[in-house]
C-alpha cells in the first residue's frame, strides 16, 4: 500500500469516527434532554467529538500504520525474566522472552519490512541469548543489529543471527567466550564451625557446590561443560557471521573497539544511528520509518513497574539528600 493511500485512509477513518461521535453526542446531550441548556449541550458535543477524534486516530494508526521498520532493544544483562525483583530497583531491560515476543509481533505485522536490533549489553545467559538470536534469524526481512556502547558475549551471540552488524568507533565489541563462575564457602564454614553434609545419588550431583571442595575429576567435568558451550558459541558466530572458526577461537574472548572490530571483520560497518537508517533505506528502497516495539504488559504489571520505579526514585532522592557533598566528591575522585 502506498504512503498516499495510507494517509488518505488514516484521515477518512479519523474523520469518520469523529463525525459519528459528534452525532452521538448531539443525540445524547442536545436533542433528547430538553432540560439541558443549549450551550452546555454544544460543549458536550464538542468534547465528545474531540474524544472520538483521538480514538479514531488510534484506530487509523492501527489500520494504516506509518512505520515500516520495527526496533527492539536488548539492554543490560541478558536474562530470562529481565532481572525482575521484588526489591525496588532502577529501570530494568525486558527479559529474553519479552524480546522474542516483540520480534515475533513485529514479524507478524504487515507494515513491518525490516528489523532493527539495538544492542547495549555485556552479555548474559546462554539459552536466553540464543532464543533472541533465533527469533532475529527467523524474521522475514532484512535484520540489522546496531551496537551502541557495548555488544559483548551474549550480545554478540544475538548479533550473529542478524544480516548485518553496525557499531560506533568507540563501541566495545566481542568477548566471544564462556565463563562458569563458582565460589566456595568451605573456609567460611570451617571458621564458623559449621559442617555441611548432603546425601546424593550420582557421582557428579554435588559437582560445583559452594559447600564442598572440587576434586580434579569434578573440575574436568565442569570445565568440559564450559568448553562445550564455548564450542557452540564459536560455531554459531562462525556460521552466522561467515567467519573462520579458527579465527573466532584466536580472538580468545577479547573485546575490541568498534574500529578494530570492523578491521577484523567482526563488524560489518561503522556509523551513527542516522547512518544505520540510511542503510535501511537502501535495503528497503524507501524511506525508513522506525517504530520501537515494547513488551506487552497487563495492568497489574504496569502498576507494579510504576510503583517499583517510584519507590526507587524516592529512595534515591532521600539518599542524595542526606549524602554529604564531601562524600560525593570523594566517590567521584575514585
Protein backbone atom coordinates (compact mmCIF):
# COMPACT_ATOMS: atom_id res chain seq x y z
CA UNK A 1 0.00 0.00 0.00
CA UNK A 2 1.42 3.42 -0.97
CA UNK A 3 2.11 6.18 1.54
CA UNK A 4 -0.55 8.34 -0.14
CA UNK A 5 -3.23 5.68 0.30
CA UNK A 6 -2.22 5.18 3.92
CA UNK A 7 -2.53 8.93 4.58
CA UNK A 8 -5.94 9.14 2.92
CA UNK A 9 -7.13 6.07 4.82
CA UNK A 10 -6.00 7.49 8.17
CA UNK A 11 -7.76 10.79 7.53
CA UNK A 12 -11.00 9.13 6.42
CA UNK A 13 -11.09 6.79 9.42
CA UNK A 14 -10.30 9.55 11.92
CA UNK A 15 -12.85 11.97 10.46
CA UNK A 16 -15.47 9.23 10.20
CA UNK A 17 -15.11 8.28 13.86
CA UNK A 18 -15.20 11.95 14.86
CA UNK A 19 -18.42 12.57 12.88
CA UNK A 20 -20.11 9.52 14.37
CA UNK A 21 -19.02 10.66 17.85
CA UNK A 22 -20.37 14.15 17.21
CA UNK A 23 -23.74 12.79 16.08
CA UNK A 24 -23.90 10.53 19.10
CA UNK A 25 -23.07 13.48 21.33
CA UNK A 26 -25.79 15.60 19.72
CA UNK A 27 -28.40 12.89 20.20
CA UNK A 28 -27.37 12.17 23.78
CA UNK A 29 -26.79 15.69 25.07
CA UNK A 30 -28.84 18.11 22.91
CA UNK A 31 -31.83 16.52 21.19
CA UNK A 32 -33.35 14.32 23.90
CA UNK A 33 -32.54 16.00 27.23
CA UNK A 34 -34.59 19.14 26.62
CA UNK A 35 -33.86 20.41 30.11
CA UNK A 36 -30.18 20.91 29.36
CA UNK A 37 -29.03 24.35 28.38
CA UNK A 38 -28.15 24.65 24.70
CA UNK A 39 -24.67 25.94 25.44
CA UNK A 40 -23.92 23.04 27.73
CA UNK A 41 -25.15 20.66 25.05
CA UNK A 42 -22.87 22.21 22.43
CA UNK A 43 -19.89 21.95 24.76
CA UNK A 44 -20.63 18.32 25.46
CA UNK A 45 -20.97 17.62 21.74
CA UNK A 46 -17.59 19.23 21.09
CA UNK A 47 -15.97 17.28 23.94
CA UNK A 48 -17.42 14.05 22.59
CA UNK A 49 -16.19 14.88 19.09
CA UNK A 50 -12.65 15.56 20.35
CA UNK A 51 -12.63 12.28 22.25
CA UNK A 52 -13.89 10.49 19.18
CA UNK A 53 -11.22 12.13 17.04
CA UNK A 54 -8.50 10.90 19.35
CA UNK A 55 -9.95 7.43 19.45
CA UNK A 56 -10.35 7.44 15.69
CA UNK A 57 -6.75 8.50 15.30
CA UNK A 58 -5.64 5.47 17.27
CA UNK A 59 -7.78 3.17 15.17
CA UNK A 60 -6.47 4.78 11.99
CA UNK A 61 -2.90 4.34 13.20
CA UNK A 62 -3.54 0.63 13.68
CA UNK A 63 -5.28 0.16 10.33
CA UNK A 64 -2.89 2.35 8.32
CA UNK A 65 0.49 2.33 10.11
CA UNK A 66 3.11 4.83 9.02
CA UNK A 67 6.15 2.78 10.10
CA UNK A 68 7.97 0.09 8.11
CA UNK A 69 10.85 -0.77 10.47
CA UNK A 70 10.46 -2.36 13.90
CA UNK A 71 13.10 -1.63 16.52
CA UNK A 72 13.69 -3.82 19.56
CA UNK A 73 16.25 -3.15 22.26
CA UNK A 74 18.47 -5.56 24.17
CA UNK A 75 19.98 -3.57 27.02
CA UNK A 76 21.73 -4.65 30.18
CA UNK A 77 22.45 -8.24 31.27
CA UNK A 78 20.56 -10.83 29.25
CA UNK A 79 18.35 -12.99 31.45
CA UNK A 80 15.16 -14.96 31.06
CA UNK A 81 12.99 -12.53 33.04
CA UNK A 82 14.90 -9.28 32.70
CA UNK A 83 16.20 -9.37 36.27
CA UNK A 84 12.83 -8.69 37.88
CA UNK A 85 12.99 -8.48 41.64
CA UNK A 86 10.54 -7.82 44.47
CA UNK A 87 13.01 -5.26 45.80
CA UNK A 88 12.50 -1.77 44.28
CA UNK A 89 15.26 -1.05 41.79
CA UNK A 90 16.09 1.11 38.83
CA UNK A 91 14.55 0.50 35.42
CA UNK A 92 15.34 -2.96 34.07
CA UNK A 93 15.51 -4.16 30.48
CA UNK A 94 12.98 -6.64 29.11
CA UNK A 95 13.78 -10.31 29.60
CA UNK A 96 14.62 -12.59 26.70
CA UNK A 97 11.06 -13.93 26.44
CA UNK A 98 9.74 -10.38 26.12
CA UNK A 99 12.28 -9.52 23.42
CA UNK A 100 11.39 -12.67 21.48
CA UNK A 101 7.70 -11.73 21.73
CA UNK A 102 8.47 -8.25 20.39
CA UNK A 103 10.36 -9.66 17.40
CA UNK A 104 7.62 -12.18 16.62
CA UNK A 105 4.96 -9.48 16.89
CA UNK A 106 6.96 -7.29 14.51
CA UNK A 107 7.31 -10.21 12.11
CA UNK A 108 3.52 -10.70 12.15
CA UNK A 109 2.83 -7.01 11.48
CA UNK A 110 2.03 -6.49 7.80
CA UNK A 111 3.55 -2.99 7.82
CA UNK A 112 6.98 -4.09 9.10
CA UNK A 113 9.52 -4.79 6.36
CA UNK A 114 12.76 -4.73 8.37
CA UNK A 115 14.03 -5.32 11.90
CA UNK A 116 16.49 -3.12 13.80
CA UNK A 117 18.03 -4.72 16.90
CA UNK A 118 19.64 -2.15 19.19
CA UNK A 119 22.31 -3.74 21.38
CA UNK A 120 23.86 -2.35 24.52
CA UNK A 121 24.67 -5.36 26.66
CA UNK A 122 27.67 -7.03 28.31
CA UNK A 123 26.08 -10.45 27.68
CA UNK A 124 24.32 -12.87 29.92
CA UNK A 125 22.81 -16.35 29.99
CA UNK A 126 23.45 -18.67 27.06
CA UNK A 127 19.97 -20.03 26.28
CA UNK A 128 18.11 -16.67 26.60
CA UNK A 129 20.72 -15.11 24.28
CA UNK A 130 20.22 -17.89 21.78
CA UNK A 131 16.43 -17.53 21.95
CA UNK A 132 16.73 -13.90 20.86
CA UNK A 133 19.23 -14.82 18.13
CA UNK A 134 16.88 -17.45 16.73
CA UNK A 135 13.95 -15.01 16.74
CA UNK A 136 16.02 -12.46 14.79
CA UNK A 137 17.16 -15.20 12.41
CA UNK A 138 13.54 -16.25 11.75
CA UNK A 139 12.41 -12.69 10.97
CA UNK A 140 11.13 -12.44 7.39
CA UNK A 141 13.04 -9.45 6.09
CA UNK A 142 16.34 -7.58 6.49
CA UNK A 143 17.70 -7.59 10.04
CA UNK A 144 20.28 -5.05 11.13
CA UNK A 145 21.92 -5.10 14.56
CA UNK A 146 23.28 -1.82 15.89
CA UNK A 147 25.74 -1.78 18.79
CA UNK A 148 25.76 1.44 20.77
CA UNK A 149 28.08 1.25 23.81
CA UNK A 150 28.65 -2.47 24.27
CA UNK A 151 27.95 -5.61 22.24
CA UNK A 152 29.80 -8.32 24.11
CA UNK A 153 29.42 -12.04 24.72
CA UNK A 154 25.67 -12.82 24.64
CA UNK A 155 25.12 -9.56 22.75
CA UNK A 156 27.46 -10.71 20.01
CA UNK A 157 25.73 -14.11 20.07
CA UNK A 158 22.47 -12.29 19.25
CA UNK A 159 24.12 -10.18 16.55
CA UNK A 160 25.27 -13.34 14.77
CA UNK A 161 21.62 -14.02 13.96
CA UNK A 162 21.21 -10.71 12.11
CA UNK A 163 22.11 -9.95 8.50
CA UNK A 164 24.41 -7.06 9.42
CA UNK A 165 26.11 -5.64 12.50
CA UNK A 166 26.88 -1.94 12.81
CA UNK A 167 28.77 -0.25 15.63
CA UNK A 168 30.31 3.05 16.64
CA UNK A 169 34.07 3.52 16.52
CA UNK A 170 34.18 3.53 20.32
CA UNK A 171 31.79 0.63 20.87
CA UNK A 172 33.04 -2.38 22.84
CA UNK A 173 32.57 -5.49 20.69
CA UNK A 174 33.50 -9.15 21.05
CA UNK A 175 34.10 -11.30 24.13
CA UNK A 176 33.32 -14.49 22.25
CA UNK A 177 33.78 -16.76 25.23
CA UNK A 178 32.02 -18.50 28.09
CA UNK A 179 32.55 -18.37 31.82
CA UNK A 180 31.05 -20.53 34.53
CA UNK A 181 31.72 -18.79 37.86
CA UNK A 182 31.90 -20.71 41.11
CA UNK A 183 32.56 -19.57 44.64
CA UNK A 184 33.43 -21.73 47.61
CA UNK A 185 32.38 -21.25 51.23
CA UNK A 186 34.25 -24.22 52.71
CA UNK A 187 36.76 -21.99 54.51
CA UNK A 188 33.99 -19.87 55.99
CA UNK A 189 32.07 -22.92 57.18
CA UNK A 190 35.22 -24.27 58.83
CA UNK A 191 35.88 -20.94 60.50
CA UNK A 192 32.31 -20.83 61.82
CA UNK A 193 32.48 -24.42 62.98
CA UNK A 194 29.68 -25.49 60.66
CA UNK A 195 29.71 -28.83 58.87
CA UNK A 196 27.90 -29.42 55.57
CA UNK A 197 26.56 -32.83 54.64
CA UNK A 198 24.33 -33.75 51.72
CA UNK A 199 23.01 -37.15 50.73
CA UNK A 200 23.19 -37.52 46.97
CA UNK A 201 22.87 -40.19 44.30
CA UNK A 202 25.19 -39.79 41.34
CA UNK A 203 28.91 -39.06 41.49
CA UNK A 204 28.60 -35.60 39.93
CA UNK A 205 25.42 -34.37 41.64
CA UNK A 206 27.41 -32.20 44.05
CA UNK A 207 29.97 -31.05 41.47
CA UNK A 208 30.23 -27.29 41.73
CA UNK A 209 28.51 -26.97 45.10
CA UNK A 210 29.97 -23.98 47.01
CA UNK A 211 29.97 -26.03 50.22
CA UNK A 212 32.33 -28.76 49.02
CA UNK A 213 35.80 -28.80 47.54
CA UNK A 214 36.14 -29.76 43.86
CA UNK A 215 38.41 -32.69 43.11
CA UNK A 216 40.29 -32.99 39.81
CA UNK A 217 37.70 -35.29 38.26
CA UNK A 218 34.86 -32.90 39.04
CA UNK A 219 36.93 -29.95 37.84
CA UNK A 220 37.49 -31.65 34.49
CA UNK A 221 33.77 -32.44 34.28
CA UNK A 222 32.75 -28.82 34.91
CA UNK A 223 35.40 -27.50 32.54
CA UNK A 224 34.09 -29.88 29.88
CA UNK A 225 30.61 -28.32 30.14
CA UNK A 226 32.12 -24.84 29.76
CA UNK A 227 34.22 -25.97 26.79
CA UNK A 228 31.15 -27.46 25.14
CA UNK A 229 29.24 -24.18 25.44
CA UNK A 230 32.27 -22.34 24.08
CA UNK A 231 32.42 -24.58 21.01
CA UNK A 232 28.72 -23.95 20.40
CA UNK A 233 29.35 -20.19 20.68
CA UNK A 234 32.26 -20.35 18.23
CA UNK A 235 30.30 -22.41 15.70
CA UNK A 236 27.25 -20.15 15.99
CA UNK A 237 29.29 -17.00 15.42
CA UNK A 238 31.34 -18.53 12.61
CA UNK A 239 28.22 -19.62 10.74
CA UNK A 240 26.14 -16.52 11.40
CA UNK A 241 28.91 -14.02 10.69
CA UNK A 242 30.56 -16.07 7.92
CA UNK A 243 33.88 -16.22 9.78
CA UNK A 244 36.55 -18.89 10.01
CA UNK A 245 36.07 -20.85 13.29
CA UNK A 246 39.83 -20.82 13.79
CA UNK A 247 39.86 -17.03 13.65
CA UNK A 248 36.99 -16.83 16.14
CA UNK A 249 38.95 -19.02 18.57
CA UNK A 250 42.06 -16.89 18.06
CA UNK A 251 40.24 -13.87 19.48
CA UNK A 252 40.44 -15.68 22.85
CA UNK A 253 37.31 -13.84 24.06
CA UNK A 254 38.99 -10.43 23.67
CA UNK A 255 36.92 -7.27 23.35
CA UNK A 256 37.72 -4.70 20.67
CA UNK A 257 36.88 -1.12 19.97
CA UNK A 258 34.44 -0.77 17.09
CA UNK A 259 37.08 0.45 14.64
CA UNK A 260 39.37 -2.54 15.26
CA UNK A 261 36.41 -4.93 15.27
CA UNK A 262 35.50 -3.58 11.84
CA UNK A 263 39.05 -4.10 10.56
CA UNK A 264 38.91 -7.70 11.81
CA UNK A 265 35.55 -8.37 10.18
CA UNK A 266 33.67 -8.73 13.46
CA UNK A 267 31.56 -5.71 12.47
CA UNK A 268 30.18 -5.00 9.00
CA UNK A 269 30.25 -1.22 9.15
CA UNK A 270 30.68 1.78 11.43
CA UNK A 271 28.34 4.70 11.78
CA UNK A 272 25.78 6.66 13.72
CA UNK A 273 22.10 5.89 14.08
CA UNK A 274 21.47 8.10 11.04
CA UNK A 275 23.92 6.01 9.01
CA UNK A 276 22.10 2.85 10.04
CA UNK A 277 18.80 4.33 8.89
CA UNK A 278 20.42 5.29 5.58
CA UNK A 279 21.44 1.67 5.22
CA UNK A 280 17.88 0.56 5.94
CA UNK A 281 16.67 2.97 3.27
CA UNK A 282 18.93 1.29 0.71
CA UNK A 283 17.79 -2.18 1.82
CA UNK A 284 14.10 -1.25 1.62
CA UNK A 285 14.40 1.11 -1.35
CA UNK A 286 12.24 3.59 0.54
CA UNK A 287 12.47 6.00 3.46
CA UNK A 288 12.57 4.01 6.73
CA UNK A 289 10.12 4.97 9.46
CA UNK A 290 11.11 3.28 12.71
CA UNK A 291 8.72 2.29 15.48
CA UNK A 292 10.05 0.94 18.78
CA UNK A 293 8.28 -2.24 19.83
CA UNK A 294 7.92 -2.68 23.58
CA UNK A 295 6.79 -5.63 25.71
CA UNK A 296 3.08 -6.07 26.21
CA UNK A 297 2.15 -5.60 29.85
CA UNK A 298 -1.08 -6.13 31.69
CA UNK A 299 -2.49 -3.52 34.05
CA UNK A 300 -1.08 -5.33 37.08
CA UNK A 301 2.44 -5.45 35.64
CA UNK A 302 2.29 -1.78 34.72
CA UNK A 303 1.15 -0.87 38.22
CA UNK A 304 3.92 -2.95 39.80
CA UNK A 305 6.52 -1.43 37.50
CA UNK A 306 5.32 2.10 38.20
CA UNK A 307 5.22 1.53 41.95
CA UNK A 308 8.68 -0.04 41.92
CA UNK A 309 10.12 2.81 39.88
CA UNK A 310 8.51 5.40 42.15
CA UNK A 311 9.89 3.68 45.25
CA UNK A 312 13.34 3.51 43.69
CA UNK A 313 13.28 7.19 42.71
CA UNK A 314 12.08 8.17 46.19
CA UNK A 315 14.84 6.15 47.82
CA UNK A 316 17.49 7.65 45.55
CA UNK A 317 16.19 11.13 46.25
CA UNK A 318 16.34 10.60 50.02
CA UNK A 319 19.82 9.12 49.76
CA UNK A 320 21.08 12.05 47.70
CA UNK A 321 19.51 14.48 50.16
CA UNK A 322 21.34 13.03 53.18
CA UNK A 323 24.67 12.33 51.45
CA UNK A 324 27.27 14.98 52.35
CA UNK A 325 28.83 16.82 49.42
CA UNK A 326 32.28 15.77 50.62
CA UNK A 327 31.37 12.09 50.25
CA UNK A 328 30.08 12.62 46.71
CA UNK A 329 33.34 14.33 45.75
CA UNK A 330 35.43 11.52 47.22
CA UNK A 331 33.50 8.91 45.28
CA UNK A 332 33.89 10.92 42.11
CA UNK A 333 37.66 11.08 42.61
CA UNK A 334 37.87 7.32 42.92
